[in-house]
Protein backbone atom coordinates (compact mmCIF):
# COMPACT_ATOMS: atom_id res chain seq x y z
CA MET A 1 -15.37 11.21 35.90
CA ARG A 2 -17.66 8.44 37.07
CA PHE A 3 -20.78 7.51 35.15
CA PHE A 4 -23.19 8.74 37.80
CA GLU A 5 -21.54 12.16 37.63
CA PHE A 6 -22.12 12.34 33.91
CA GLN A 7 -25.07 14.65 33.30
CA GLY A 8 -25.59 14.25 29.54
CA ASP A 9 -28.61 12.34 28.30
CA ASP A 10 -27.14 11.60 24.89
CA PRO A 11 -26.36 7.87 24.59
CA ALA A 12 -23.44 8.69 22.28
CA ASP A 13 -21.75 10.68 25.06
CA LYS A 14 -21.97 7.74 27.43
CA LEU A 15 -20.72 5.34 24.76
CA ILE A 16 -17.80 7.66 23.95
CA MET A 17 -16.79 7.77 27.59
CA VAL A 18 -16.76 3.96 27.83
CA LEU A 19 -14.81 3.56 24.58
CA LYS A 20 -12.21 6.16 25.56
CA ASN A 21 -11.73 4.42 28.90
CA TYR A 22 -11.03 1.07 27.23
CA ILE A 23 -8.78 2.66 24.61
CA GLY A 24 -6.78 4.29 27.40
CA ARG A 25 -6.37 0.98 29.22
CA ALA A 26 -5.34 -0.88 26.08
CA SER A 27 -2.98 1.90 25.02
CA SER A 28 -1.17 1.79 28.36
CA LYS A 29 -0.68 -1.96 27.88
CA LYS A 30 0.12 -1.59 24.16
CA THR A 31 -2.58 -4.15 23.26
CA ALA A 32 -5.60 -4.19 21.02
CA ALA A 33 -9.02 -3.65 22.58
CA LYS A 34 -12.06 -5.69 21.64
CA LEU A 35 -15.43 -5.60 23.35
CA ASN A 36 -18.27 -7.98 22.69
CA TRP A 37 -21.88 -6.82 23.05
CA ALA A 38 -22.52 -8.82 26.24
CA GLY A 39 -19.44 -7.32 27.91
CA LEU A 40 -20.39 -3.81 26.88
CA ASN A 41 -23.90 -4.36 28.26
CA ARG A 42 -22.42 -5.52 31.59
CA ILE A 43 -20.28 -2.39 31.76
CA PHE A 44 -23.33 -0.22 31.14
CA GLN A 45 -25.41 -2.16 33.66
CA THR A 46 -22.73 -1.93 36.36
CA ALA A 47 -22.38 1.79 35.77
CA GLY A 48 -26.13 2.38 35.83
CA VAL A 49 -26.24 3.52 32.20
CA GLU A 50 -29.48 2.75 30.44
CA LEU A 51 -28.18 1.93 26.99
CA ALA A 52 -28.50 -1.35 25.14
CA ALA A 53 -25.29 -2.39 23.42
CA ASP A 54 -26.09 -4.36 20.30
CA TYR A 55 -25.15 -4.12 16.65
CA GLU A 56 -28.17 -2.10 15.52
CA THR A 57 -28.00 0.44 18.35
CA PHE A 58 -24.25 0.82 17.96
CA LYS A 59 -24.52 1.24 14.18
CA SER A 60 -27.08 4.02 14.53
CA ILE A 61 -24.83 5.90 16.97
CA TYR A 62 -21.72 5.19 14.88
CA ASP A 63 -23.30 6.46 11.66
CA LYS A 64 -24.29 9.78 13.27
CA ASN A 65 -21.23 10.52 15.38
CA PRO A 66 -17.75 11.22 13.94
CA VAL A 67 -16.15 10.98 17.41
CA VAL A 68 -17.37 7.39 17.76
CA GLN A 69 -16.15 6.68 14.21
CA ASN A 70 -12.64 7.84 15.18
CA LEU A 71 -12.60 5.63 18.28
CA VAL A 72 -13.67 2.46 16.48
CA ARG A 73 -11.54 0.50 14.04
CA ASP A 74 -14.40 -1.81 13.04
CA PHE A 75 -17.44 -3.56 14.41
CA ASN A 76 -19.62 -6.51 13.49
CA ALA A 77 -22.28 -8.80 14.92
CA ASP A 78 -19.78 -10.08 17.51
CA GLY A 79 -18.64 -6.75 18.94
CA VAL A 80 -16.35 -3.75 18.55
CA ASN A 81 -12.63 -3.45 17.77
CA LEU A 82 -11.31 -0.17 19.10
CA ASN A 83 -8.76 2.06 17.44
CA VAL A 84 -5.87 1.89 19.93
CA PRO A 85 -2.84 4.11 19.24
CA GLY A 86 0.51 2.35 19.50
CA THR A 87 -0.63 -1.01 18.10
CA ASP A 88 -0.22 -2.40 14.65
CA GLN A 89 -3.76 -2.25 13.29
CA ASP A 90 -3.26 -5.16 10.88
CA THR A 91 -1.83 -7.71 13.30
CA GLU A 92 -3.08 -6.25 16.58
CA THR A 93 0.31 -6.74 18.19
CA PRO A 94 2.29 -4.16 20.13
CA VAL A 95 4.75 -2.11 18.10
CA LYS A 96 7.59 -0.30 19.83
CA GLN A 97 8.83 3.07 18.64
CA GLY A 98 11.29 2.71 15.75
CA GLU A 99 10.64 -1.01 15.35
CA ASN A 100 8.53 -3.02 12.96
CA PRO A 101 6.82 -6.35 13.72
CA SER A 102 9.42 -8.42 11.82
CA ASP A 103 12.15 -7.03 14.12
CA GLU A 104 10.27 -8.44 17.12
CA VAL A 105 10.00 -11.88 15.48
CA ALA A 106 13.71 -11.84 14.67
CA LYS A 107 14.55 -11.03 18.30
CA MET A 108 12.40 -13.91 19.57
CA ALA A 109 13.98 -16.33 17.12
CA ALA A 110 17.49 -15.19 18.04
CA SER A 111 16.83 -15.65 21.74
CA ALA A 112 15.35 -19.13 21.22
CA ALA A 113 18.13 -20.38 18.91
CA PRO A 114 20.84 -21.02 21.58
CA LYS A 115 18.40 -22.94 23.76
CA GLN A 116 17.22 -25.00 20.79
CA LEU A 117 20.82 -25.76 19.77
CA ALA A 118 21.78 -26.82 23.30
CA GLN A 119 18.80 -29.18 23.50
CA ASN A 120 19.60 -30.71 20.12
CA GLN A 121 23.25 -31.27 21.11
CA ALA A 122 22.12 -32.95 24.31
CA GLY A 123 19.97 -35.33 22.27
CA ILE A 124 16.68 -33.86 23.37
CA LYS A 125 14.15 -33.47 20.58
CA VAL A 126 11.75 -30.59 20.72
């Protein structure tokens, strides 16, 4: 659904639609999603939505709406961190099914080790 097709006058409904859109994009890429207030305002302006995105306005909507609360991990004066499924909420890095973040680090180290060893044997310092 496009914004101009959205008939509701409730600002929370419009905000929810924007947040769900960004969560969907981030989830498909397995990345965290952060929006600053200026970026959120540009999105609203481009879509023709008359809603000011700032900390105070967002907080008032957040406090009254449990759907918004479920979509948002946290927010502050800088912007909003969205609750994206499939990412590690503490480190904001992608987590694959059945794998923990330390497994990913171990794989990267193992793949870099042969290259590092070959460079050291050739007398190249890294």
